[in-house]
PDB file of N, CA and C in Angstrom:
ATOM      1  N   MET A   1      89.951  40.863-119.115  1.00  0.00           N
ATOM      2  CA  MET A   1      88.541  40.819-118.711  1.00  0.00           C
ATOM      3  C   MET A   1      88.144  39.497-117.766  1.00  0.00           C
ATOM      4  N   LEU A   2      88.593  38.481-118.107  1.00  0.00           N
ATOM      5  CA  LEU A   2      88.297  37.153-117.479  1.00  0.00           C
ATOM      6  C   LEU A   2      88.819  37.274-115.902  1.00  0.00           C
ATOM      7  N   GLY A   3      90.046  37.811-115.844  1.00  0.00           N
ATOM      8  CA  GLY A   3      90.747  37.881-114.564  1.00  0.00           C
ATOM      9  C   GLY A   3      89.844  39.039-113.760  1.00  0.00           C
ATOM     10  N   PHE A   4      89.224  40.101-114.313  1.00  0.00           N
ATOM     11  CA  PHE A   4      88.477  40.997-113.384  1.00  0.00           C
ATOM     12  C   PHE A   4      87.186  40.260-113.047  1.00  0.00           C
ATOM     13  N   LEU A   5      86.671  39.519-113.897  1.00  0.00           N
ATOM     14  CA  LEU A   5      85.396  38.802-113.690  1.00  0.00           C
ATOM     15  C   LEU A   5      85.730  37.758-112.463  1.00  0.00           C
ATOM     16  N   LYS A   6      86.905  37.118-112.517  1.00  0.00           N
ATOM     17  CA  LYS A   6      87.317  36.028-111.504  1.00  0.00           C
ATOM     18  C   LYS A   6      87.281  36.687-110.276  1.00  0.00           C
ATOM     19  N   LYS A   7      88.065  37.737-110.206  1.00  0.00           N
ATOM     20  CA  LYS A   7      88.259  38.466-108.971  1.00  0.00           C
ATOM     21  C   LYS A   7      86.749  39.045-108.393  1.00  0.00           C
ATOM     22  N   LEU A   8      86.073  39.566-109.263  1.00  0.00           N
ATOM     23  CA  LEU A   8      84.929  40.184-108.803  1.00  0.00           C
ATOM     24  C   LEU A   8      84.097  38.975-108.308  1.00  0.00           C
ATOM     25  N   PHE A   9      84.094  37.603-108.652  1.00  0.00           N
ATOM     26  CA  PHE A   9      83.217  36.667-108.072  1.00  0.00           C
ATOM     27  C   PHE A   9      83.898  35.983-106.926  1.00  0.00           C
ATOM     28  N   THR A  10      85.251  35.936-107.024  1.00  0.00           N
ATOM     29  CA  THR A  10      85.944  35.376-105.789  1.00  0.00           C
ATOM     30  C   THR A  10      85.967  36.083-104.783  1.00  0.00           C
ATOM     31  N   GLY A  11      86.451  37.363-104.658  1.00  0.00           N
ATOM     32  CA  GLY A  11      86.269  38.540-103.648  1.00  0.00           C
ATOM     33  C   GLY A  11      87.687  38.458-102.977  1.00  0.00           C
ATOM     34  N   GLY A  12      88.284  39.490-103.335  1.00  0.00           N
ATOM     35  CA  GLY A  12      89.631  39.789-102.569  1.00  0.00           C
ATOM     36  C   GLY A  12      90.436  38.974-102.428  1.00  0.00           C
ATOM     37  N   PRO A  13      91.703  39.069-101.684  1.00  0.00           N
ATOM     38  CA  PRO A  13      92.941  38.387-101.837  1.00  0.00           C
ATOM     39  C   PRO A  13      92.457  36.875-101.019  1.00  0.00           C
ATOM     40  N   SER A  14      93.202  35.749-101.454  1.00  0.00           N
ATOM     41  CA  SER A  14      93.059  34.477-100.936  1.00  0.00           C
ATOM     42  C   SER A  14      93.695  34.541 -99.696  1.00  0.00           C
ATOM     43  N   ALA A  15      93.239  33.498 -98.884  1.00  0.00           N
ATOM     44  CA  ALA A  15      93.638  33.738 -97.469  1.00  0.00           C
ATOM     45  C   ALA A  15      93.465  32.406 -96.558  1.00  0.00           C
ATOM     46  N   ASP A  16      93.983  32.242 -95.533  1.00  0.00           N
ATOM     47  CA  ASP A  16      93.639  30.842 -94.831  1.00  0.00           C
ATOM     48  C   ASP A  16      92.415  31.178 -93.855  1.00  0.00           C
ATOM     49  N   ILE A  17      91.254  31.086 -94.425  1.00  0.00           N
ATOM     50  CA  ILE A  17      90.053  31.494 -93.634  1.00  0.00           C
ATOM     51  C   ILE A  17      90.106  30.815 -92.288  1.00  0.00           C
ATOM     52  N   ALA A  18      90.460  29.545 -91.967  1.00  0.00           N
ATOM     53  CA  ALA A  18      90.413  29.096 -90.644  1.00  0.00           C
ATOM     54  C   ALA A  18      91.216  29.846 -89.734  1.00  0.00           C
ATOM     55  N   ALA A  19      92.419  30.199 -90.300  1.00  0.00           N
ATOM     56  CA  ALA A  19      93.351  30.999 -89.366  1.00  0.00           C
ATOM     57  C   ALA A  19      92.861  32.293 -89.109  1.00  0.00           C
ATOM     58  N   LEU A  20      92.236  33.032 -89.955  1.00  0.00           N
ATOM     59  CA  LEU A  20      91.659  34.255 -89.762  1.00  0.00           C
ATOM     60  C   LEU A  20      90.561  34.198 -88.743  1.00  0.00           C
ATOM     61  N   LEU A  21      89.840  33.217 -88.890  1.00  0.00           N
ATOM     62  CA  LEU A  21      88.636  32.959 -88.031  1.00  0.00           C
ATOM     63  C   LEU A  21      89.288  32.647 -86.489  1.00  0.00           C
ATOM     64  N   SER A  22      90.080  31.813 -86.238  1.00  0.00           N
ATOM     65  CA  SER A  22      90.700  31.463 -85.048  1.00  0.00           C
ATOM     66  C   SER A  22      91.414  32.716 -84.497  1.00  0.00           C
ATOM     67  N   GLU A  23      92.114  33.727 -85.124  1.00  0.00           N
ATOM     68  CA  GLU A  23      92.536  34.904 -84.897  1.00  0.00           C
ATOM     69  C   GLU A  23      91.539  36.186 -84.517  1.00  0.00           C
ATOM     70  N   GLY A  24      90.369  35.628 -84.614  1.00  0.00           N
ATOM     71  CA  GLY A  24      89.359  36.833 -84.152  1.00  0.00           C
ATOM     72  C   GLY A  24      88.650  37.498 -85.286  1.00  0.00           C
ATOM     73  N   ALA A  25      88.745  37.108 -86.726  1.00  0.00           N
ATOM     74  CA  ALA A  25      88.119  37.678 -87.701  1.00  0.00           C
ATOM     75  C   ALA A  25      86.562  37.848 -87.511  1.00  0.00           C
ATOM     76  N   VAL A  26      86.030  38.901 -88.031  1.00  0.00           N
ATOM     77  CA  VAL A  26      84.447  38.962 -87.784  1.00  0.00           C
ATOM     78  C   VAL A  26      84.023  38.307 -88.978  1.00  0.00           C
ATOM     79  N   VAL A  27      82.770  37.339 -88.931  1.00  0.00           N
ATOM     80  CA  VAL A  27      82.126  36.740 -89.884  1.00  0.00           C
ATOM     81  C   VAL A  27      80.839  37.865 -90.245  1.00  0.00           C
ATOM     82  N   LEU A  28      80.988  38.068 -91.504  1.00  0.00           N
ATOM     83  CA  LEU A  28      79.832  38.983 -92.147  1.00  0.00           C
ATOM     84  C   LEU A  28      79.078  38.157 -92.972  1.00  0.00           C
ATOM     85  N   ASP A  29      77.722  37.855 -92.598  1.00  0.00           N
ATOM     86  CA  ASP A  29      76.784  37.146 -93.399  1.00  0.00           C
ATOM     87  C   ASP A  29      76.141  38.214 -94.277  1.00  0.00           C
ATOM     88  N   VAL A  30      76.295  38.137 -95.804  1.00  0.00           N
ATOM     89  CA  VAL A  30      75.486  38.895 -96.424  1.00  0.00           C
ATOM     90  C   VAL A  30      74.313  38.586 -97.000  1.00  0.00           C
ATOM     91  N   ARG A  31      73.569  37.607 -96.596  1.00  0.00           N
ATOM     92  CA  ARG A  31      72.456  36.904 -97.259  1.00  0.00           C
ATOM     93  C   ARG A  31      71.214  37.793 -96.932  1.00  0.00           C
ATOM     94  N   SER A  32      70.117  37.338 -97.458  1.00  0.00           N
ATOM     95  CA  SER A  32      68.716  38.201 -96.817  1.00  0.00           C
ATOM     96  C   SER A  32      68.443  37.790 -95.565  1.00  0.00           C
ATOM     97  N   LYS A  33      67.472  38.514 -94.882  1.00  0.00           N
ATOM     98  CA  LYS A  33      67.038  38.105 -93.614  1.00  0.00           C
ATOM     99  C   LYS A  33      66.574  36.687 -93.409  1.00  0.00           C
ATOM    100  N   GLY A  34      65.748  36.523 -94.521  1.00  0.00           N
ATOM    101  CA  GLY A  34      65.026  34.914 -94.296  1.00  0.00           C
ATOM    102  C   GLY A  34      66.215  33.979 -94.460  1.00  0.00           C
ATOM    103  N   GLU A  35      67.240  34.104 -95.432  1.00  0.00           N
ATOM    104  CA  GLU A  35      68.226  33.093 -95.457  1.00  0.00           C
ATOM    105  C   GLU A  35      68.944  33.125 -94.042  1.00  0.00           C
ATOM    106  N   TYR A  36      69.336  34.324 -93.511  1.00  0.00           N
ATOM    107  CA  TYR A  36      70.081  34.330 -92.330  1.00  0.00           C
ATOM    108  C   TYR A  36      69.263  33.473 -91.085  1.00  0.00           C
ATOM    109  N   ASN A  37      68.000  33.916 -91.206  1.00  0.00           N
ATOM    110  CA  ASN A  37      67.246  33.518 -89.951  1.00  0.00           C
ATOM    111  C   ASN A  37      66.923  31.823 -90.274  1.00  0.00           C
ATOM    112  N   SER A  38      67.247  31.254 -91.306  1.00  0.00           N
ATOM    113  CA  SER A  38      67.057  29.834 -91.532  1.00  0.00           C
ATOM    114  C   SER A  38      68.449  29.078 -91.160  1.00  0.00           C
ATOM    115  N   GLY A  39      69.348  29.663 -90.781  1.00  0.00           N
ATOM    116  CA  GLY A  39      70.635  29.177 -90.172  1.00  0.00           C
ATOM    117  C   GLY A  39      71.802  29.917 -90.554  1.00  0.00           C
ATOM    118  N   HIS A  40      73.024  30.165 -89.467  1.00  0.00           N
ATOM    119  CA  HIS A  40      73.921  31.045 -89.833  1.00  0.00           C
ATOM    120  C   HIS A  40      75.091  30.589 -89.052  1.00  0.00           C
ATOM    121  N   VAL A  41      76.212  31.098 -89.052  1.00  0.00           N
ATOM    122  CA  VAL A  41      77.287  30.936 -88.369  1.00  0.00           C
ATOM    123  C   VAL A  41      76.959  31.606 -86.855  1.00  0.00           C
ATOM    124  N   LYS A  42      77.508  31.012 -85.904  1.00  0.00           N
ATOM    125  CA  LYS A  42      77.182  31.491 -84.440  1.00  0.00           C
ATOM    126  C   LYS A  42      78.274  32.807 -84.462  1.00  0.00           C
ATOM    127  N   GLY A  43      77.405  33.844 -83.990  1.00  0.00           N
ATOM    128  CA  GLY A  43      78.306  35.188 -83.687  1.00  0.00           C
ATOM    129  C   GLY A  43      78.427  35.868 -84.825  1.00  0.00           C
ATOM    130  N   ALA A  44      77.939  35.499 -86.131  1.00  0.00           N
ATOM    131  CA  ALA A  44      78.058  36.407 -87.283  1.00  0.00           C
ATOM    132  C   ALA A  44      76.924  37.587 -87.228  1.00  0.00           C
ATOM    133  N   VAL A  45      77.757  38.430 -87.863  1.00  0.00           N
ATOM    134  CA  VAL A  45      77.008  39.780 -87.975  1.00  0.00           C
ATOM    135  C   VAL A  45      76.296  39.732 -89.300  1.00  0.00           C
ATOM    136  N   HIS A  46      74.976  40.063 -89.516  1.00  0.00           N
ATOM    137  CA  HIS A  46      74.201  40.148 -90.564  1.00  0.00           C
ATOM    138  C   HIS A  46      74.003  41.565 -91.090  1.00  0.00           C
ATOM    139  N   ILE A  47      74.473  41.629 -92.404  1.00  0.00           N
ATOM    140  CA  ILE A  47      74.337  42.877 -93.081  1.00  0.00           C
ATOM    141  C   ILE A  47      74.013  42.467 -94.559  1.00  0.00           C
ATOM    142  N   PRO A  48      72.829  42.337 -95.106  1.00  0.00           N
ATOM    143  CA  PRO A  48      72.491  41.991 -96.370  1.00  0.00           C
ATOM    144  C   PRO A  48      73.521  42.785 -97.397  1.00  0.00           C
ATOM    145  N   LEU A  49      73.743  42.119 -98.552  1.00  0.00           N
ATOM    146  CA  LEU A  49      74.693  42.625 -99.560  1.00  0.00           C
ATOM    147  C   LEU A  49      74.178  44.196-100.089  1.00  0.00           C
ATOM    148  N   ASN A  50      72.887  44.430-100.362  1.00  0.00           N
ATOM    149  CA  ASN A  50      72.422  45.707-100.871  1.00  0.00           C
ATOM    150  C   ASN A  50      72.655  46.637 -99.709  1.00  0.00           C
ATOM    151  N   LEU A  51      73.084  46.361 -98.382  1.00  0.00           N
ATOM    152  CA  LEU A  51      73.207  47.676 -97.634  1.00  0.00           C
ATOM    153  C   LEU A  51      74.732  47.619 -97.051  1.00  0.00           C
ATOM    154  N   VAL A  52      75.617  46.611 -97.418  1.00  0.00           N
ATOM    155  CA  VAL A  52      77.016  46.732 -97.128  1.00  0.00           C
ATOM    156  C   VAL A  52      77.662  47.896 -97.377  1.00  0.00           C
ATOM    157  N   ASN A  53      77.398  48.573 -98.591  1.00  0.00           N
ATOM    158  CA  ASN A  53      78.188  49.763 -99.301  1.00  0.00           C
ATOM    159  C   ASN A  53      77.396  51.088 -98.703  1.00  0.00           C
ATOM    160  N   THR A  54      76.661  51.104 -97.654  1.00  0.00           N
ATOM    161  CA  THR A  54      75.952  52.238 -97.294  1.00  0.00           C
ATOM    162  C   THR A  54      76.832  52.796 -96.395  1.00  0.00           C
ATOM    163  N   PRO A  55      76.971  54.060 -96.092  1.00  0.00           N
ATOM    164  CA  PRO A  55      77.799  54.696 -95.095  1.00  0.00           C
ATOM    165  C   PRO A  55      77.682  54.324 -93.660  1.00  0.00           C
ATOM    166  N   ALA A  56      76.580  54.212 -93.179  1.00  0.00           N
ATOM    167  CA  ALA A  56      76.164  53.584 -91.865  1.00  0.00           C
ATOM    168  C   ALA A  56      76.844  52.239 -91.627  1.00  0.00           C
ATOM    169  N   LYS A  57      76.508  51.361 -92.399  1.00  0.00           N
ATOM    170  CA  LYS A  57      77.157  49.843 -92.442  1.00  0.00           C
ATOM    171  C   LYS A  57      78.634  49.879 -92.534  1.00  0.00           C
ATOM    172  N   LEU A  58      79.052  50.732 -93.679  1.00  0.00           N
ATOM    173  CA  LEU A  58      80.610  50.650 -93.661  1.00  0.00           C
ATOM    174  C   LEU A  58      81.178  51.226 -92.325  1.00  0.00           C
ATOM    175  N   LYS A  59      80.562  52.345 -91.525  1.00  0.00           N
ATOM    176  CA  LYS A  59      81.030  52.884 -90.497  1.00  0.00           C
ATOM    177  C   LYS A  59      81.112  51.757 -89.164  1.00  0.00           C
ATOM    178  N   GLN A  60      80.025  50.862 -89.442  1.00  0.00           N
ATOM    179  CA  GLN A  60      79.847  49.762 -88.415  1.00  0.00           C
ATOM    180  C   GLN A  60      80.759  48.672 -88.755  1.00  0.00           C
ATOM    181  N   ILE A  61      81.044  48.416 -89.918  1.00  0.00           N
ATOM    182  CA  ILE A  61      82.126  47.530 -90.052  1.00  0.00           C
ATOM    183  C   ILE A  61      83.530  47.906 -89.806  1.00  0.00           C
ATOM    184  N   LYS A  62      83.771  49.105 -90.312  1.00  0.00           N
ATOM    185  CA  LYS A  62      85.201  49.897 -89.773  1.00  0.00           C
ATOM    186  C   LYS A  62      85.686  49.636 -88.353  1.00  0.00           C
ATOM    187  N   ALA A  63      84.313  49.747 -87.646  1.00  0.00           N
ATOM    188  CA  ALA A  63      84.674  50.015 -86.183  1.00  0.00           C
ATOM    189  C   ALA A  63      84.890  48.588 -85.449  1.00  0.00           C
ATOM    190  N   PHE A  64      84.826  47.688 -86.442  1.00  0.00           N
ATOM    191  CA  PHE A  64      85.145  46.315 -85.762  1.00  0.00           C
ATOM    192  C   PHE A  64      86.650  46.369 -85.425  1.00  0.00           C
ATOM    193  N   LYS A  65      87.462  47.097 -86.284  1.00  0.00           N
ATOM    194  CA  LYS A  65      88.999  47.009 -86.439  1.00  0.00           C
ATOM    195  C   LYS A  65      89.657  45.622 -86.277  1.00  0.00           C
ATOM    196  N   LYS A  66      88.942  44.813 -87.032  1.00  0.00           N
ATOM    197  CA  LYS A  66      89.430  43.362 -87.366  1.00  0.00           C
ATOM    198  C   LYS A  66      89.391  43.072 -88.744  1.00  0.00           C
ATOM    199  N   PRO A  67      89.878  42.031 -89.249  1.00  0.00           N
ATOM    200  CA  PRO A  67      89.566  41.447 -90.471  1.00  0.00           C
ATOM    201  C   PRO A  67      88.137  40.895 -90.613  1.00  0.00           C
ATOM    202  N   VAL A  68      87.569  40.950 -91.907  1.00  0.00           N
ATOM    203  CA  VAL A  68      86.180  40.533 -91.902  1.00  0.00           C
ATOM    204  C   VAL A  68      86.154  39.278 -93.092  1.00  0.00           C
ATOM    205  N   VAL A  69      85.529  38.456 -92.584  1.00  0.00           N
ATOM    206  CA  VAL A  69      85.268  37.293 -93.513  1.00  0.00           C
ATOM    207  C   VAL A  69      83.870  37.157 -93.866  1.00  0.00           C
ATOM    208  N   THR A  70      83.626  37.520 -95.307  1.00  0.00           N
ATOM    209  CA  THR A  70      82.213  37.321 -95.715  1.00  0.00           C
ATOM    210  C   THR A  70      81.898  36.080 -96.087  1.00  0.00           C
ATOM    211  N   CYS A  71      80.415  35.904 -96.024  1.00  0.00           N
ATOM    212  CA  CYS A  71      79.845  34.721 -96.384  1.00  0.00           C
ATOM    213  C   CYS A  71      78.544  34.820 -96.875  1.00  0.00           C
ATOM    214  N   CYS A  72      77.893  33.953 -97.635  1.00  0.00           N
ATOM    215  CA  CYS A  72      76.587  33.800 -98.140  1.00  0.00           C
ATOM    216  C   CYS A  72      76.177  32.560 -98.450  1.00  0.00           C
ATOM    217  N   ALA A  73      75.194  32.246 -99.273  1.00  0.00           N
ATOM    218  CA  ALA A  73      74.848  30.756 -99.701  1.00  0.00           C
ATOM    219  C   ALA A  73      75.966  30.209-100.616  1.00  0.00           C
ATOM    220  N   SER A  74      76.462  30.927-101.435  1.00  0.00           N
ATOM    221  CA  SER A  74      77.454  29.977-102.546  1.00  0.00           C
ATOM    222  C   SER A  74      78.830  30.553-102.633  1.00  0.00           C
ATOM    223  N   GLY A  75      78.840  31.817-102.300  1.00  0.00           N
ATOM    224  CA  GLY A  75      80.129  32.540-102.260  1.00  0.00           C
ATOM    225  C   GLY A  75      80.154  33.733-103.376  1.00  0.00           C
ATOM    226  N   ARG A  76      79.073  33.850-104.093  1.00  0.00           N
ATOM    227  CA  ARG A  76      79.195  34.844-104.889  1.00  0.00           C
ATOM    228  C   ARG A  76      78.864  36.108-104.398  1.00  0.00           C
ATOM    229  N   ARG A  77      77.780  36.228-103.749  1.00  0.00           N
ATOM    230  CA  ARG A  77      77.422  37.879-102.899  1.00  0.00           C
ATOM    231  C   ARG A  77      78.619  38.174-102.007  1.00  0.00           C
ATOM    232  N   SER A  78      79.030  36.995-101.413  1.00  0.00           N
ATOM    233  CA  SER A  78      80.234  37.325-100.202  1.00  0.00           C
ATOM    234  C   SER A  78      81.597  37.879-101.055  1.00  0.00           C
ATOM    235  N   GLY A  79      81.715  37.214-102.319  1.00  0.00           N
ATOM    236  CA  GLY A  79      82.944  37.732-103.077  1.00  0.00           C
ATOM    237  C   GLY A  79      82.534  39.281-103.326  1.00  0.00           C
ATOM    238  N   ILE A  80      81.580  39.732-103.807  1.00  0.00           N
ATOM    239  CA  ILE A  80      81.119  41.031-104.162  1.00  0.00           C
ATOM    240  C   ILE A  80      81.324  41.688-102.992  1.00  0.00           C
ATOM    241  N   ALA A  81      80.717  41.251-101.855  1.00  0.00           N
ATOM    242  CA  ALA A  81      80.773  42.167-100.444  1.00  0.00           C
ATOM    243  C   ALA A  81      82.426  42.327-100.149  1.00  0.00           C
ATOM    244  N   ALA A  82      83.310  41.329-100.198  1.00  0.00           N
ATOM    245  CA  ALA A  82      84.616  41.447 -99.919  1.00  0.00           C
ATOM    246  C   ALA A  82      85.415  42.475-100.997  1.00  0.00           C
ATOM    247  N   ASN A  83      85.004  42.378-102.149  1.00  0.00           N
ATOM    248  CA  ASN A  83      85.659  43.461-103.056  1.00  0.00           C
ATOM    249  C   ASN A  83      85.109  44.775-102.685  1.00  0.00           C
ATOM    250  N   LEU A  84      83.906  44.671-102.446  1.00  0.00           N
ATOM    251  CA  LEU A  84      83.311  46.439-102.232  1.00  0.00           C
ATOM    252  C   LEU A  84      84.196  46.939-100.861  1.00  0.00           C
ATOM    253  N   LEU A  85      84.245  45.907 -99.793  1.00  0.00           N
ATOM    254  CA  LEU A  85      84.981  46.136 -98.436  1.00  0.00           C
ATOM    255  C   LEU A  85      86.364  46.751 -98.767  1.00  0.00           C
ATOM    256  N   SER A  86      87.051  45.603 -99.530  1.00  0.00           N
ATOM    257  CA  SER A  86      88.324  46.024 -99.928  1.00  0.00           C
ATOM    258  C   SER A  86      88.635  47.312-100.371  1.00  0.00           C
ATOM    259  N   ALA A  87      87.727  47.691-101.413  1.00  0.00           N
ATOM    260  CA  ALA A  87      87.903  48.969-102.119  1.00  0.00           C
ATOM    261  C   ALA A  87      87.925  50.046-101.073  1.00  0.00           C
ATOM    262  N   LYS A  88      86.948  49.910 -99.791  1.00  0.00           N
ATOM    263  CA  LYS A  88      87.015  51.054 -99.067  1.00  0.00           C
ATOM    264  C   LYS A  88      88.083  51.000 -97.826  1.00  0.00           C
ATOM    265  N   GLY A  89      88.996  50.138 -98.002  1.00  0.00           N
ATOM    266  CA  GLY A  89      90.109  50.162 -97.093  1.00  0.00           C
ATOM    267  C   GLY A  89      89.794  49.071 -96.171  1.00  0.00           C
ATOM    268  N   ILE A  90      88.795  48.429 -96.226  1.00  0.00           N
ATOM    269  CA  ILE A  90      88.827  47.291 -94.932  1.00  0.00           C
ATOM    270  C   ILE A  90      89.355  45.859 -95.514  1.00  0.00           C
ATOM    271  N   GLU A  91      90.029  45.321 -94.564  1.00  0.00           N
ATOM    272  CA  GLU A  91      90.529  43.958 -94.656  1.00  0.00           C
ATOM    273  C   GLU A  91      89.395  43.209 -94.717  1.00  0.00           C
ATOM    274  N   ALA A  92      89.081  42.623 -96.144  1.00  0.00           N
ATOM    275  CA  ALA A  92      88.183  41.623 -96.081  1.00  0.00           C
ATOM    276  C   ALA A  92      88.388  40.330 -97.061  1.00  0.00           C
ATOM    277  N   TYR A  93      87.705  39.304 -96.595  1.00  0.00           N
ATOM    278  CA  TYR A  93      88.159  38.090 -97.391  1.00  0.00           C
ATOM    279  C   TYR A  93      86.930  37.317 -97.672  1.00  0.00           C
ATOM    280  N   ASN A  94      86.724  36.661 -98.754  1.00  0.00           N
ATOM    281  CA  ASN A  94      85.645  35.841 -99.235  1.00  0.00           C
ATOM    282  C   ASN A  94      85.526  34.380 -98.356  1.00  0.00           C
ATOM    283  N   GLY A  95      84.844  34.106 -97.563  1.00  0.00           N
ATOM    284  CA  GLY A  95      84.692  32.890 -97.005  1.00  0.00           C
ATOM    285  C   GLY A  95      83.900  31.851 -97.775  1.00  0.00           C
ATOM    286  N   GLY A  96      82.967  32.310 -98.732  1.00  0.00           N
ATOM    287  CA  GLY A  96      82.150  31.646 -99.380  1.00  0.00           C
ATOM    288  C   GLY A  96      81.036  31.234 -98.852  1.00  0.00           C
ATOM    289  N   ALA A  97      80.531  29.967 -99.055  1.00  0.00           N
ATOM    290  CA  ALA A  97      79.348  29.509 -98.309  1.00  0.00           C
ATOM    291  C   ALA A  97      79.321  29.727 -96.855  1.00  0.00           C
ATOM    292  N   TRP A  98      78.224  29.892 -96.230  1.00  0.00           N
ATOM    293  CA  TRP A  98      78.234  30.029 -94.986  1.00  0.00           C
ATOM    294  C   TRP A  98      78.380  28.792 -94.076  1.00  0.00           C
ATOM    295  N   THR A  99      77.979  27.707 -94.593  1.00  0.00           N
ATOM    296  CA  THR A  99      78.168  26.369 -94.051  1.00  0.00           C
ATOM    297  C   THR A  99      79.647  26.119 -94.179  1.00  0.00           C
ATOM    298  N   THR A 100      80.468  26.429 -95.162  1.00  0.00           N
ATOM    299  CA  THR A 100      81.894  26.172 -95.139  1.00  0.00           C
ATOM    300  C   THR A 100      82.433  27.019 -94.135  1.00  0.00           C
ATOM    301  N   VAL A 101      82.220  28.387 -94.050  1.00  0.00           N
ATOM    302  CA  VAL A 101      82.677  29.138 -92.796  1.00  0.00           C
ATOM    303  C   VAL A 101      82.519  28.595 -91.413  1.00  0.00           C
ATOM    304  N   ARG A 102      81.209  28.229 -91.391  1.00  0.00           N
ATOM    305  CA  ARG A 102      80.904  27.407 -90.076  1.00  0.00           C
ATOM    306  C   ARG A 102      81.700  26.384 -89.636  1.00  0.00           C
ATOM    307  N   ALA A 103      82.127  25.384 -90.621  1.00  0.00           N
ATOM    308  CA  ALA A 103      82.844  24.195 -90.436  1.00  0.00           C
ATOM    309  C   ALA A 103      84.411  24.562 -90.253  1.00  0.00           C
ATOM    310  N   LYS A 104      84.768  25.780 -90.799  1.00  0.00           N
ATOM    311  CA  LYS A 104      86.241  26.208 -90.575  1.00  0.00           C
ATOM    312  C   LYS A 104      86.270  26.964 -89.398  1.00  0.00           C
ATOM    313  N   LYS A 105      85.289  27.445 -88.865  1.00  0.00           N
ATOM    314  CA  LYS A 105      85.025  28.091 -87.433  1.00  0.00           C
ATOM    315  C   LYS A 105      85.129  27.095 -86.420  1.00  0.00           C
ATOM    316  N   GLY A 106      84.447  26.063 -86.761  1.00  0.00           N
ATOM    317  CA  GLY A 106      84.436  24.827 -85.859  1.00  0.00           C
ATOM    318  C   GLY A 106      83.209  24.860 -84.755  1.00  0.00           C
ATOM    319  N   ARG A 107      82.003  25.857 -85.296  1.00  0.00           N
ATOM    320  CA  ARG A 107      80.867  25.783 -84.589  1.00  0.00           C
ATOM    321  C   ARG A 107      79.707  25.667 -85.760  1.00  0.00           C
TER     322      ARG A 107
END
């Protein structure tokens, strides 16, 4: 049970996030609109967590045809999003806090 909870909140397999970003992975910010508008990773796609699993948004994310690095304020919502996307066959990784992803992206 503990392993399941840890995986749920850490989100997807571990990976070198900086390498994924340098290779063109899409940054997916799953915070609220207000949080996103207060600051975000340059070039990030904004889809709030409550919309990530909708058919239209899944279609949009699959159309990227690239790995996805999710981010939020702390890593909890992005972990949930990465797991949801992985379960739908999308290569997704939890990048954690958006500020961490921004630092790893170099912008």
